[in-house]
Structure formats: C-alpha cells, structure tokens
Amino acid sequence: VKETRDGVTRIKGIVQGLKDFSHVDRCGHVVT
C-alpha cells in the first residue's frame, strides 16, 4: 500500500505538471 501510494503521488505530480503546462500556455505571459 505504501509503494502504491508513492506511485499515485508521483502520478499526481505529473498530472499537475501537465495541467500547469497547458494552463499557462493558453493564458500567455504570466509571472512565474
């Protein structure tokens, strides 16, 4: 269960990275 939860945490980080990438690309230049 611990290893699985670590894997889920990594997946959540990747998903958040994808969301951040697509969000800022649509909105143009922002303070980053």
All heavy atoms as atom14 arrays in JSON, in Angstrom:
{
  "sequence": "VKETRDGVTRIKGIVQGLKDFSHVDRCGHVVT",
  "atom14_mask": [
    [1, 1, 1, 1, 1, 1, 1, 0, 0, 0, 0, 0, 0, 0],
    [1, 1, 1, 1, 1, 1, 1, 1, 1, 0, 0, 0, 0, 0],
    [1, 1, 1, 1, 1, 1, 1, 1, 1, 0, 0, 0, 0, 0],
    [1, 1, 1, 1, 1, 1, 1, 0, 0, 0, 0, 0, 0, 0],
    [1, 1, 1, 1, 1, 1, 1, 1, 1, 1, 1, 0, 0, 0],
    [1, 1, 1, 1, 1, 1, 1, 1, 0, 0, 0, 0, 0, 0],
    [1, 1, 1, 1, 0, 0, 0, 0, 0, 0, 0, 0, 0, 0],
    [1, 1, 1, 1, 1, 1, 1, 0, 0, 0, 0, 0, 0, 0],
    [1, 1, 1, 1, 1, 1, 1, 0, 0, 0, 0, 0, 0, 0],
    [1, 1, 1, 1, 1, 1, 1, 1, 1, 1, 1, 0, 0, 0],
    [1, 1, 1, 1, 1, 1, 1, 1, 0, 0, 0, 0, 0, 0],
    [1, 1, 1, 1, 1, 1, 1, 1, 1, 0, 0, 0, 0, 0],
    [1, 1, 1, 1, 0, 0, 0, 0, 0, 0, 0, 0, 0, 0],
    [1, 1, 1, 1, 1, 1, 1, 1, 0, 0, 0, 0, 0, 0],
    [1, 1, 1, 1, 1, 1, 1, 0, 0, 0, 0, 0, 0, 0],
    [1, 1, 1, 1, 1, 1, 1, 1, 1, 0, 0, 0, 0, 0],
    [1, 1, 1, 1, 0, 0, 0, 0, 0, 0, 0, 0, 0, 0],
    [1, 1, 1, 1, 1, 1, 1, 1, 0, 0, 0, 0, 0, 0],
    [1, 1, 1, 1, 1, 1, 1, 1, 1, 0, 0, 0, 0, 0],
    [1, 1, 1, 1, 1, 1, 1, 1, 0, 0, 0, 0, 0, 0],
    [1, 1, 1, 1, 1, 1, 1, 1, 1, 1, 1, 0, 0, 0],
    [1, 1, 1, 1, 1, 1, 0, 0, 0, 0, 0, 0, 0, 0],
    [1, 1, 1, 1, 1, 1, 1, 1, 1, 1, 0, 0, 0, 0],
    [1, 1, 1, 1, 1, 1, 1, 0, 0, 0, 0, 0, 0, 0],
    [1, 1, 1, 1, 1, 1, 1, 1, 0, 0, 0, 0, 0, 0],
    [1, 1, 1, 1, 1, 1, 1, 1, 1, 1, 1, 0, 0, 0],
    [1, 1, 1, 1, 1, 1, 0, 0, 0, 0, 0, 0, 0, 0],
    [1, 1, 1, 1, 0, 0, 0, 0, 0, 0, 0, 0, 0, 0],
    [1, 1, 1, 1, 1, 1, 1, 1, 1, 1, 0, 0, 0, 0],
    [1, 1, 1, 1, 1, 1, 1, 0, 0, 0, 0, 0, 0, 0],
    [1, 1, 1, 1, 1, 1, 1, 0, 0, 0, 0, 0, 0, 0],
    [1, 1, 1, 1, 1, 1, 1, 0, 0, 0, 0, 0, 0, 0]
  ],
  "atom14_positions": [
    [[0.84, -1.2, 0.0], [0.0, 0.0, 0.0], [0.88, 1.25, 0.0], [0.59, 2.22, -0.72], [-0.95, -0.01, 1.21], [-1.66, 1.34, 1.35], [-1.98, -1.12, 1.06], [0.0, 0.0, 0.0], [0.0, 0.0, 0.0], [0.0, 0.0, 0.0], [0.0, 0.0, 0.0], [0.0, 0.0, 0.0], [0.0, 0.0, 0.0], [0.0, 0.0, 0.0]],
    [[1.97, 1.23, 0.8], [2.87, 2.39, 0.85], [3.48, 2.66, -0.53], [3.51, 3.8, -1.0], [3.96, 2.17, 1.88], [4.97, 3.3, 1.99], [6.02, 3.01, 3.04], [7.02, 4.16, 3.15], [7.75, 4.38, 1.89], [0.0, 0.0, 0.0], [0.0, 0.0, 0.0], [0.0, 0.0, 0.0], [0.0, 0.0, 0.0], [0.0, 0.0, 0.0]],
    [[3.98, 1.59, -1.18], [4.59, 1.77, -2.5], [3.57, 2.26, -3.52], [3.87, 3.09, -4.38], [5.21, 0.45, -2.96], [6.43, 0.04, -2.15], [6.97, -1.32, -2.58], [6.35, -1.95, -3.45], [8.02, -1.74, -2.03], [0.0, 0.0, 0.0], [0.0, 0.0, 0.0], [0.0, 0.0, 0.0], [0.0, 0.0, 0.0], [0.0, 0.0, 0.0]],
    [[2.35, 1.72, -3.43], [1.3, 2.14, -4.35], [0.95, 3.61, -4.15], [0.76, 4.36, -5.11], [0.04, 1.27, -4.17], [0.4, -0.1, -4.32], [-1.01, 1.63, -5.22], [0.0, 0.0, 0.0], [0.0, 0.0, 0.0], [0.0, 0.0, 0.0], [0.0, 0.0, 0.0], [0.0, 0.0, 0.0], [0.0, 0.0, 0.0], [0.0, 0.0, 0.0]],
    [[0.88, 4.04, -2.89], [0.57, 5.44, -2.62], [1.7, 6.35, -3.1], [1.45, 7.46, -3.58], [0.32, 5.65, -1.13], [-0.9, 4.89, -0.62], [-1.28, 5.28, 0.78], [-1.86, 6.61, 0.83], [-2.33, 7.18, 1.93], [-2.27, 6.55, 3.07], [-2.84, 8.39, 1.88], [0.0, 0.0, 0.0], [0.0, 0.0, 0.0], [0.0, 0.0, 0.0]],
    [[2.95, 5.89, -2.98], [4.07, 6.67, -3.53], [3.92, 6.82, -5.04], [4.16, 7.9, -5.61], [5.4, 5.99, -3.21], [5.76, 6.07, -1.73], [5.17, 6.93, -1.04], [6.6, 5.28, -1.28], [0.0, 0.0, 0.0], [0.0, 0.0, 0.0], [0.0, 0.0, 0.0], [0.0, 0.0, 0.0], [0.0, 0.0, 0.0], [0.0, 0.0, 0.0]],
    [[3.52, 5.73, -5.71], [3.31, 5.79, -7.16], [2.19, 6.75, -7.52], [2.31, 7.53, -8.47], [0.0, 0.0, 0.0], [0.0, 0.0, 0.0], [0.0, 0.0, 0.0], [0.0, 0.0, 0.0], [0.0, 0.0, 0.0], [0.0, 0.0, 0.0], [0.0, 0.0, 0.0], [0.0, 0.0, 0.0], [0.0, 0.0, 0.0], [0.0, 0.0, 0.0]],
    [[1.1, 6.72, -6.76], [-0.02, 7.64, -7.01], [0.43, 9.08, -6.81], [0.04, 9.98, -7.58], [-1.21, 7.29, -6.08], [-2.26, 8.39, -6.12], [-1.83, 5.96, -6.49], [0.0, 0.0, 0.0], [0.0, 0.0, 0.0], [0.0, 0.0, 0.0], [0.0, 0.0, 0.0], [0.0, 0.0, 0.0], [0.0, 0.0, 0.0], [0.0, 0.0, 0.0]],
    [[1.26, 9.31, -5.78], [1.76, 10.68, -5.55], [2.58, 11.16, -6.74], [2.48, 12.31, -7.18], [2.62, 10.71, -4.28], [1.82, 10.3, -3.16], [3.15, 12.12, -4.03], [0.0, 0.0, 0.0], [0.0, 0.0, 0.0], [0.0, 0.0, 0.0], [0.0, 0.0, 0.0], [0.0, 0.0, 0.0], [0.0, 0.0, 0.0], [0.0, 0.0, 0.0]],
    [[3.41, 10.27, -7.3], [4.19, 10.65, -8.49], [3.29, 10.96, -9.68], [3.52, 11.91, -10.42], [5.17, 9.53, -8.84], [6.3, 9.37, -7.84], [7.26, 8.27, -8.28], [7.88, 8.61, -9.55], [8.65, 7.77, -10.23], [8.88, 6.55, -9.76], [9.19, 8.15, -11.38], [0.0, 0.0, 0.0], [0.0, 0.0, 0.0], [0.0, 0.0, 0.0]],
    [[2.26, 10.12, -9.86], [1.32, 10.35, -10.97], [0.61, 11.69, -10.79], [0.43, 12.45, -11.74], [0.3, 9.21, -11.07], [1.0, 7.9, -11.44], [-0.77, 9.52, -12.11], [0.11, 6.68, -11.39], [0.0, 0.0, 0.0], [0.0, 0.0, 0.0], [0.0, 0.0, 0.0], [0.0, 0.0, 0.0], [0.0, 0.0, 0.0], [0.0, 0.0, 0.0]],
    [[0.23, 12.0, -9.54], [-0.44, 13.28, -9.28], [0.49, 14.44, -9.63], [0.05, 15.46, -10.16], [-0.86, 13.36, -7.81], [-2.05, 12.45, -7.48], [-2.28, 12.35, -5.98], [-2.8, 13.63, -5.41], [-3.12, 13.5, -3.97], [0.0, 0.0, 0.0], [0.0, 0.0, 0.0], [0.0, 0.0, 0.0], [0.0, 0.0, 0.0], [0.0, 0.0, 0.0]],
    [[1.78, 14.28, -9.33], [2.73, 15.34, -9.68], [2.84, 15.53, -11.17], [2.92, 16.66, -11.67], [0.0, 0.0, 0.0], [0.0, 0.0, 0.0], [0.0, 0.0, 0.0], [0.0, 0.0, 0.0], [0.0, 0.0, 0.0], [0.0, 0.0, 0.0], [0.0, 0.0, 0.0], [0.0, 0.0, 0.0], [0.0, 0.0, 0.0], [0.0, 0.0, 0.0]],
    [[2.86, 14.41, -11.93], [2.93, 14.5, -13.39], [1.67, 15.16, -13.94], [1.73, 16.03, -14.82], [3.12, 13.11, -14.0], [4.49, 12.55, -13.6], [2.98, 13.15, -15.51], [4.71, 11.11, -13.97], [0.0, 0.0, 0.0], [0.0, 0.0, 0.0], [0.0, 0.0, 0.0], [0.0, 0.0, 0.0], [0.0, 0.0, 0.0], [0.0, 0.0, 0.0]],
    [[0.5, 14.77, -13.43], [-0.76, 15.36, -13.89], [-0.79, 16.85, -13.6], [-1.21, 17.65, -14.44], [-1.96, 14.65, -13.21], [-3.26, 15.4, -13.48], [-2.06, 13.21, -13.72], [0.0, 0.0, 0.0], [0.0, 0.0, 0.0], [0.0, 0.0, 0.0], [0.0, 0.0, 0.0], [0.0, 0.0, 0.0], [0.0, 0.0, 0.0], [0.0, 0.0, 0.0]],
    [[-0.31, 17.24, -12.4], [-0.29, 18.66, -12.07], [0.65, 19.41, -13.02], [0.36, 20.53, -13.44], [0.16, 18.86, -10.61], [0.07, 20.29, -10.13], [-1.34, 20.83, -10.2], [-2.29, 20.19, -9.75], [-1.5, 22.01, -10.78], [0.0, 0.0, 0.0], [0.0, 0.0, 0.0], [0.0, 0.0, 0.0], [0.0, 0.0, 0.0], [0.0, 0.0, 0.0]],
    [[1.79, 18.77, -13.36], [2.7, 19.39, -14.3], [2.06, 19.59, -15.66], [2.21, 20.64, -16.29], [0.0, 0.0, 0.0], [0.0, 0.0, 0.0], [0.0, 0.0, 0.0], [0.0, 0.0, 0.0], [0.0, 0.0, 0.0], [0.0, 0.0, 0.0], [0.0, 0.0, 0.0], [0.0, 0.0, 0.0], [0.0, 0.0, 0.0], [0.0, 0.0, 0.0]],
    [[1.28, 18.59, -16.12], [0.57, 18.72, -17.4], [-0.47, 19.84, -17.33], [-0.62, 20.62, -18.26], [-0.1, 17.4, -17.76], [0.82, 16.25, -18.21], [0.04, 14.96, -18.34], [1.47, 16.61, -19.54], [0.0, 0.0, 0.0], [0.0, 0.0, 0.0], [0.0, 0.0, 0.0], [0.0, 0.0, 0.0], [0.0, 0.0, 0.0], [0.0, 0.0, 0.0]],
    [[-1.19, 19.9, -16.2], [-2.2, 20.95, -16.07], [-1.55, 22.33, -16.05], [-2.04, 23.27, -16.69], [-3.01, 20.73, -14.78], [-3.94, 19.53, -14.84], [-4.62, 19.28, -13.52], [-5.6, 20.38, -13.18], [-6.3, 20.14, -11.91], [0.0, 0.0, 0.0], [0.0, 0.0, 0.0], [0.0, 0.0, 0.0], [0.0, 0.0, 0.0], [0.0, 0.0, 0.0]],
    [[-0.45, 22.46, -15.32], [0.25, 23.75, -15.28], [0.75, 24.13, -16.67], [0.63, 25.27, -17.11], [1.44, 23.68, -14.32], [1.01, 23.56, -12.87], [-0.17, 23.85, -12.58], [1.84, 23.16, -12.03], [0.0, 0.0, 0.0], [0.0, 0.0, 0.0], [0.0, 0.0, 0.0], [0.0, 0.0, 0.0], [0.0, 0.0, 0.0], [0.0, 0.0, 0.0]],
    [[1.31, 23.14, -17.38], [1.84, 23.4, -18.72], [0.74, 23.89, -19.65], [0.88, 24.92, -20.31], [2.44, 22.11, -19.29], [2.83, 22.21, -20.73], [4.06, 22.73, -21.09], [1.98, 21.77, -21.73], [4.42, 22.82, -22.41], [2.33, 21.86, -23.05], [3.55, 22.38, -23.4], [0.0, 0.0, 0.0], [0.0, 0.0, 0.0], [0.0, 0.0, 0.0]],
    [[-0.39, 23.17, -19.71], [-1.45, 23.56, -20.65], [-2.11, 24.86, -20.22], [-2.49, 25.68, -21.05], [-2.5, 22.45, -20.73], [-3.1, 22.22, -19.46], [0.0, 0.0, 0.0], [0.0, 0.0, 0.0], [0.0, 0.0, 0.0], [0.0, 0.0, 0.0], [0.0, 0.0, 0.0], [0.0, 0.0, 0.0], [0.0, 0.0, 0.0], [0.0, 0.0, 0.0]],
    [[-2.22, 25.12, -18.91], [-2.89, 26.33, -18.42], [-2.09, 27.58, -18.77], [-2.62, 28.52, -19.35], [-3.08, 26.23, -16.92], [-3.66, 27.48, -16.31], [-4.97, 27.84, -16.51], [-3.11, 28.45, -15.54], [-5.2, 28.98, -15.86], [-4.09, 29.36, -15.28], [0.0, 0.0, 0.0], [0.0, 0.0, 0.0], [0.0, 0.0, 0.0], [0.0, 0.0, 0.0]],
    [[-0.8, 27.59, -18.44], [-0.02, 28.8, -18.7], [0.16, 29.02, -20.18], [0.28, 30.14, -20.65], [1.36, 28.75, -18.0], [1.21, 28.71, -16.51], [2.17, 27.56, -18.46], [0.0, 0.0, 0.0], [0.0, 0.0, 0.0], [0.0, 0.0, 0.0], [0.0, 0.0, 0.0], [0.0, 0.0, 0.0], [0.0, 0.0, 0.0], [0.0, 0.0, 0.0]],
    [[0.17, 27.93, -20.99], [0.34, 28.11, -22.43], [-0.87, 28.81, -23.01], [-0.75, 29.62, -23.92], [0.54, 26.75, -23.1], [0.83, 26.88, -24.57], [1.77, 27.61, -24.91], [0.09, 26.29, -25.38], [0.0, 0.0, 0.0], [0.0, 0.0, 0.0], [0.0, 0.0, 0.0], [0.0, 0.0, 0.0], [0.0, 0.0, 0.0], [0.0, 0.0, 0.0]],
    [[-2.06, 28.52, -22.49], [-3.25, 29.16, -23.03], [-3.33, 30.61, -22.57], [-3.89, 31.45, -23.26], [-4.51, 28.4, -22.56], [-4.67, 27.04, -23.19], [-6.07, 26.53, -22.97], [-6.38, 26.43, -21.55], [-6.18, 25.37, -20.83], [-5.62, 24.3, -21.35], [-6.51, 25.35, -19.55], [0.0, 0.0, 0.0], [0.0, 0.0, 0.0], [0.0, 0.0, 0.0]],
    [[-2.83, 30.91, -21.42], [-3.0, 32.25, -20.87], [-1.89, 33.2, -21.27], [-1.94, 34.38, -20.95], [-3.08, 32.17, -19.34], [-4.52, 31.28, -18.75], [0.0, 0.0, 0.0], [0.0, 0.0, 0.0], [0.0, 0.0, 0.0], [0.0, 0.0, 0.0], [0.0, 0.0, 0.0], [0.0, 0.0, 0.0], [0.0, 0.0, 0.0], [0.0, 0.0, 0.0]],
    [[-0.82, 32.69, -21.93], [0.23, 33.59, -22.38], [1.24, 33.89, -21.29], [1.58, 33.05, -20.47], [0.0, 0.0, 0.0], [0.0, 0.0, 0.0], [0.0, 0.0, 0.0], [0.0, 0.0, 0.0], [0.0, 0.0, 0.0], [0.0, 0.0, 0.0], [0.0, 0.0, 0.0], [0.0, 0.0, 0.0], [0.0, 0.0, 0.0], [0.0, 0.0, 0.0]],
    [[1.72, 35.14, -21.26], [2.78, 35.53, -20.34], [2.21, 35.83, -18.95], [1.3, 36.64, -18.81], [3.51, 36.77, -20.88], [4.33, 36.47, -22.09], [3.79, 36.01, -23.27], [5.67, 36.58, -22.3], [4.77, 35.84, -24.14], [5.91, 36.17, -23.6], [0.0, 0.0, 0.0], [0.0, 0.0, 0.0], [0.0, 0.0, 0.0], [0.0, 0.0, 0.0]],
    [[2.76, 35.16, -17.95], [2.34, 35.39, -16.56], [3.59, 35.43, -15.68], [4.67, 35.0, -16.09], [1.4, 34.27, -16.06], [0.08, 34.29, -16.81], [2.06, 32.9, -16.2], [0.0, 0.0, 0.0], [0.0, 0.0, 0.0], [0.0, 0.0, 0.0], [0.0, 0.0, 0.0], [0.0, 0.0, 0.0], [0.0, 0.0, 0.0], [0.0, 0.0, 0.0]],
    [[3.43, 35.95, -14.47], [4.54, 35.96, -13.52], [4.78, 34.53, -13.03], [3.87, 33.89, -12.51], [4.23, 36.9, -12.34], [5.38, 36.87, -11.32], [3.99, 38.32, -12.83], [0.0, 0.0, 0.0], [0.0, 0.0, 0.0], [0.0, 0.0, 0.0], [0.0, 0.0, 0.0], [0.0, 0.0, 0.0], [0.0, 0.0, 0.0], [0.0, 0.0, 0.0]],
    [[5.98, 34.02, -13.23], [6.28, 32.61, -12.98], [7.65, 32.48, -12.34], [8.54, 33.29, -12.58], [6.28, 31.81, -14.31], [5.08, 32.1, -15.02], [6.36, 30.32, -14.05], [0.0, 0.0, 0.0], [0.0, 0.0, 0.0], [0.0, 0.0, 0.0], [0.0, 0.0, 0.0], [0.0, 0.0, 0.0], [0.0, 0.0, 0.0], [0.0, 0.0, 0.0]]
  ]
}
